[in-house]
Amino acid sequence: MKAYVIDVSKIEELQNLNDKDELENIFYRANSTIVNGEKVVLVRKNKNGASEKFDVITTQEDLEQFRKQVFKYIH
């Protein structure tokens, strides 16, 4: 298995759309990746369209904290 990459602009878009199901799918896949010993990499696209890594999540606890941050803004 390889690292799971999450584009945070996609997360923000899903937050705006209130798409809880797709967000849950992303976090389910991210959790599976961590359980299997790999990392979750958070990226953001720069002005040129290239993805830039800005954070790495390696534990379920850190992933759950990120998940809580994301869902905090969903009603």
Protein backbone atom coordinates (compact mmCIF):
# COMPACT_ATOMS: atom_id res chain seq x y z
CA MET A 1 0.00 0.00 0.00
CA LYS A 2 1.20 3.54 -0.58
CA ALA A 3 0.58 6.90 1.05
CA TYR A 4 -2.90 8.35 0.69
CA VAL A 5 -2.94 11.93 -0.60
CA ILE A 6 -5.68 14.35 0.44
CA ASP A 7 -6.04 17.60 -1.48
CA VAL A 8 -7.35 20.02 1.15
CA SER A 9 -8.99 22.20 -1.50
CA LYS A 10 -11.20 19.17 -2.24
CA ILE A 11 -11.99 18.91 1.48
CA GLU A 12 -12.94 22.59 1.56
CA GLU A 13 -15.15 22.15 -1.49
CA LEU A 14 -16.93 19.20 0.12
CA GLN A 15 -17.40 21.24 3.31
CA ASN A 16 -19.08 23.99 1.30
CA LEU A 17 -21.34 21.43 -0.36
CA ASN A 18 -22.12 19.77 2.99
CA ASP A 19 -21.16 16.42 1.41
CA LYS A 20 -20.74 14.37 4.57
CA ASP A 21 -20.82 11.05 2.73
CA GLU A 22 -17.86 11.85 0.49
CA LEU A 23 -15.92 13.30 3.41
CA GLU A 24 -16.57 10.12 5.41
CA ASN A 25 -15.32 8.07 2.44
CA ILE A 26 -12.10 10.08 2.32
CA PHE A 27 -11.51 9.65 6.05
CA TYR A 28 -12.34 5.93 5.85
CA ARG A 29 -9.70 5.46 3.13
CA ALA A 30 -7.22 7.59 5.09
CA ASN A 31 -7.79 5.51 8.22
CA SER A 32 -7.31 2.27 6.28
CA THR A 33 -4.03 3.64 4.95
CA ILE A 34 -2.77 4.44 8.46
CA VAL A 35 -3.89 1.07 9.83
CA ASN A 36 -1.86 -0.57 7.06
CA GLY A 37 1.26 1.31 8.15
CA GLU A 38 1.36 4.08 5.56
CA LYS A 39 1.05 7.86 5.79
CA VAL A 40 -1.66 10.31 4.85
CA VAL A 41 -0.22 13.30 3.02
CA LEU A 42 -2.07 16.64 2.98
CA VAL A 43 -1.42 18.73 -0.12
CA ARG A 44 -2.58 22.04 -1.50
CA LYS A 45 -2.29 23.14 -5.11
CA ASN A 46 -0.10 26.19 -5.72
CA LYS A 47 -0.63 28.92 -8.32
CA ASN A 48 1.03 26.80 -11.00
CA GLY A 49 -1.33 23.89 -10.34
CA ALA A 50 1.34 21.71 -8.75
CA SER A 51 0.55 19.96 -5.48
CA GLU A 52 2.64 20.98 -2.49
CA LYS A 53 2.82 18.78 0.59
CA PHE A 54 2.27 20.73 3.79
CA ASP A 55 1.51 18.07 6.39
CA VAL A 56 1.76 14.33 7.00
CA ILE A 57 -0.53 12.32 9.27
CA THR A 58 0.82 9.06 10.63
CA THR A 59 -1.48 8.15 13.54
CA GLN A 60 -5.17 7.47 13.91
CA GLU A 61 -5.31 10.04 16.72
CA ASP A 62 -3.93 12.79 14.46
CA LEU A 63 -6.30 11.77 11.67
CA GLU A 64 -9.26 11.92 14.06
CA GLN A 65 -8.24 15.40 15.15
CA PHE A 66 -8.08 16.52 11.51
CA ARG A 67 -11.47 14.89 10.89
CA LYS A 68 -13.01 16.77 13.85
CA GLN A 69 -11.61 20.03 12.46
CA VAL A 70 -13.19 19.33 9.09
CA PHE A 71 -16.59 18.32 10.44
CA LYS A 72 -16.69 21.23 12.87
CA TYR A 73 -17.79 23.44 9.97
CA ILE A 74 -20.53 21.15 8.67
CA HIS A 75 -24.08 21.50 9.89
